[in-house]
Protein backbone atom coordinates (compact mmCIF):
# COMPACT_ATOMS: atom_id res chain seq x y z
CA MET A 1 95.99 68.86 222.79
CA GLU A 2 98.59 69.58 220.43
CA LYS A 3 97.68 71.37 217.12
CA GLN A 4 99.14 70.40 213.96
CA ILE A 5 99.76 73.07 211.34
CA LYS A 6 99.86 71.98 207.67
CA ILE A 7 101.90 74.27 205.52
CA THR A 8 100.81 74.34 201.81
CA SER A 9 102.86 76.07 199.14
CA GLN A 10 100.89 78.83 197.73
CA GLY A 11 101.16 79.54 193.84
CA THR A 12 102.07 76.06 192.91
CA LYS A 13 99.66 73.71 190.85
CA SER A 14 98.97 70.08 190.94
CA GLY A 15 99.84 67.94 187.85
CA SER A 16 96.44 68.39 186.28
CA TYR A 17 95.38 71.03 183.77
CA SER A 18 92.27 73.12 183.89
CA SER A 19 89.71 72.90 181.35
CA GLU A 20 90.77 75.95 179.58
CA GLU A 21 94.30 74.74 179.15
CA LYS A 22 92.94 71.29 177.97
CA THR A 23 90.91 73.04 175.33
CA ILE A 24 93.91 75.03 174.11
CA ILE A 25 96.17 71.95 173.85
CA LEU A 26 93.39 70.04 171.96
CA THR A 27 92.93 72.87 169.55
CA ILE A 28 96.62 72.97 168.74
CA LEU A 29 96.90 69.26 168.27
CA VAL A 30 93.71 69.11 166.00
CA ALA A 31 95.41 71.93 163.87
CA LEU A 32 98.76 70.12 163.66
CA VAL A 33 97.00 66.87 162.51
CA ILE A 34 95.02 68.99 159.83
CA ILE A 35 98.28 70.56 158.74
CA GLY A 36 99.97 67.37 158.52
CA ALA A 37 97.24 65.69 156.52
CA LEU A 38 97.29 68.69 154.07
CA LEU A 39 101.01 68.29 153.73
CA VAL A 40 100.87 64.55 153.17
CA ASN A 41 98.05 65.12 150.40
CA LEU A 42 100.26 67.93 148.77
CA VAL A 43 103.35 65.81 148.71
CA PHE A 44 101.89 62.45 147.81
CA PHE A 45 98.67 62.94 146.02
CA THR A 46 99.08 66.01 144.06
CA PRO A 47 100.29 65.29 140.49
CA VAL A 48 103.62 66.71 139.41
CA GLU A 49 103.15 69.18 136.64
CA THR A 50 105.48 68.59 133.97
CA GLU A 51 106.49 70.97 131.18
CA GLN A 52 104.89 70.14 128.02
CA PHE A 53 106.92 70.67 124.80
CA SER A 54 107.89 69.49 121.20
CA VAL A 55 111.19 69.01 119.90
CA ILE A 56 112.80 69.13 116.48
CA TYR A 57 116.63 68.42 115.65
CA TYR A 58 118.79 67.13 112.98
CA LEU A 59 121.78 64.65 112.59
CA ASP A 60 124.25 63.94 110.13
CA SER A 61 123.98 61.04 107.75
CA GLU A 62 125.42 58.68 110.34
CA LYS A 63 122.85 59.73 112.86
CA GLN A 64 125.44 61.77 114.88
CA ALA A 65 125.71 65.36 116.02
CA ALA A 66 128.98 65.84 114.38
CA ASN A 67 129.85 65.94 110.77
CA TYR A 68 127.47 68.42 109.18
CA PRO A 69 127.93 69.32 105.55
CA LYS A 70 129.05 72.93 105.13
CA THR A 71 130.01 73.25 101.49
CA VAL A 72 128.59 71.55 98.26
CA VAL A 73 129.85 71.79 94.77
CA LEU A 74 127.09 72.54 92.18
CA GLY A 75 126.69 69.69 89.72
CA GLU A 76 129.11 67.40 91.62
CA ASN A 77 128.09 66.76 95.12
CA SER A 78 125.24 69.12 95.76
CA THR A 79 123.01 66.44 97.32
CA PHE A 80 123.39 65.40 101.09
CA SER A 81 121.36 63.63 103.61
CA LEU A 82 120.42 64.41 107.09
CA TRP A 83 118.34 62.82 109.67
CA VAL A 84 115.49 64.89 111.23
CA GLY A 85 113.97 64.01 114.66
CA VAL A 86 110.81 65.01 116.19
CA GLU A 87 110.02 64.31 120.00
CA ASN A 88 106.43 64.76 121.45
CA GLN A 89 106.39 65.72 125.09
CA LYS A 90 102.87 67.51 125.02
CA GLY A 91 101.03 64.94 127.27
CA THR A 92 98.95 63.75 124.48
CA THR A 93 98.91 62.23 120.91
CA MET A 94 99.91 64.80 118.27
CA THR A 95 99.89 64.84 114.63
CA TYR A 96 103.19 66.76 113.40
CA SER A 97 104.33 68.04 110.03
CA VAL A 98 108.00 69.02 109.32
CA GLN A 99 108.24 71.38 106.51
CA VAL A 100 111.61 71.60 104.74
CA LYS A 101 112.54 74.94 103.14
CA VAL A 102 115.55 76.29 101.44
CA ASP A 103 116.40 79.95 101.28
CA ASP A 104 119.35 82.49 100.66
CA ARG A 105 119.72 83.26 104.38
CA LYS A 106 118.23 86.71 103.98
CA SER A 107 114.67 86.16 104.97
CA PRO A 108 113.49 85.62 108.58
CA VAL A 109 113.68 82.00 109.77
CA ASP A 110 110.82 81.80 112.37
CA TYR A 111 108.86 80.98 110.41
CA SER A 112 110.37 81.32 106.83
CA PRO A 113 108.31 82.73 104.03
CA ALA A 114 110.11 80.21 101.75
CA GLU A 115 107.82 77.60 100.00
CA PRO A 116 108.48 74.01 101.42
CA ILE A 117 110.40 71.84 99.17
CA GLU A 118 109.22 68.76 101.05
CA SER A 119 106.84 67.96 103.94
CA PHE A 120 106.71 64.89 106.22
CA GLU A 121 103.69 64.08 108.51
CA ARG A 122 103.30 61.63 111.32
CA THR A 123 101.20 61.02 114.27
CA LEU A 124 103.22 60.50 117.70
CA ALA A 125 102.01 59.28 121.01
CA ASP A 126 103.22 61.37 123.96
CA GLY A 127 106.78 60.49 124.59
CA GLU A 128 107.47 59.03 121.19
CA ILE A 129 110.42 59.99 118.95
CA TRP A 130 110.25 59.94 115.12
CA GLU A 131 113.50 60.24 113.21
CA PHE A 132 113.53 60.03 109.46
CA PRO A 133 116.15 60.67 106.63
CA VAL A 134 115.86 63.69 104.45
CA THR A 135 117.89 64.08 101.17
CA ILE A 136 118.47 67.63 100.03
CA ASN A 137 119.81 69.01 96.86
CA ILE A 138 121.26 72.54 96.69
CA ASP A 139 120.98 74.10 93.30
CA GLN A 140 121.60 77.80 94.06
CA LEU A 141 125.16 79.19 94.08
CA GLY A 142 126.19 81.14 97.17
CA SER A 143 124.85 80.92 100.75
CA ASN A 144 122.02 78.56 101.39
CA ARG A 145 120.01 77.71 104.47
CA VAL A 146 118.09 74.59 105.01
CA ILE A 147 115.25 75.06 107.43
CA PHE A 148 113.30 72.34 109.14
CA GLU A 149 110.08 73.86 110.70
CA LEU A 150 107.73 71.81 113.12
CA TRP A 151 104.03 72.28 112.66
CA PHE A 152 101.23 70.37 114.25
CA PHE A 153 97.61 69.65 113.23
CA ASN A 154 95.23 71.84 115.26
CA GLY A 155 91.92 69.80 115.55
CA THR A 156 90.17 72.94 116.77
CA LYS A 157 90.77 75.10 113.65
CA ASN A 158 91.12 71.83 111.37
CA ASP A 159 94.40 73.26 110.09
CA PRO A 160 98.10 73.24 110.65
CA ASP A 161 99.73 75.44 113.23
CA TYR A 162 103.33 76.45 113.62
CA THR A 163 104.86 75.27 116.86
CA GLY A 164 107.53 78.00 116.96
CA ASN A 165 110.14 75.33 116.79
CA TRP A 166 112.67 75.18 113.94
CA VAL A 167 116.30 74.20 113.12
CA SER A 168 118.51 75.15 110.22
CA ILE A 169 121.81 74.38 108.81
CA SER A 170 123.84 76.79 106.57
CA ILE A 171 125.34 75.48 103.32
CA GLU A 172 127.59 77.17 101.06
CA ALA A 173 127.19 76.19 97.21
CA ILE A 174 130.13 76.65 95.14
CA GLN A 175 130.84 76.22 91.40
CA ALA A 176 133.12 73.39 90.12
């Protein structure tokens, strides 16, 4: 009788995994699925936070940002017109007020202690722009500053609040 000897390689494993290895692989796969789901939720379902702000600006009489008056002659052409614009990007409807003030350029601007010579008010929906003409008469010789301050109605206080937004233009008034 002949004996047959079977030689097996020690230290090599067959193609199947042990139960411990299967548990580790399954745990990693579940973690990857959870992380993937969280990333998809973050990217596609989290609303993008946009910056909320209000804007005030002025344009010349032709609604251009170009030919602003610099000098007026008292008694002859001391009146000029500008367009003032307000833009609401606050994410909600806002009631705005624009206060027009004229001073001698010596007082602070933000916000000016000068009394308003005129005030305009309007309620704007989110994203709405309001442009309106303003006619200004300078009657004081020397350096003048026209200030447009943006205020909003604060429903909590039932009072206007300053937005911190303003624009100004310097006008030199000379004698004829």
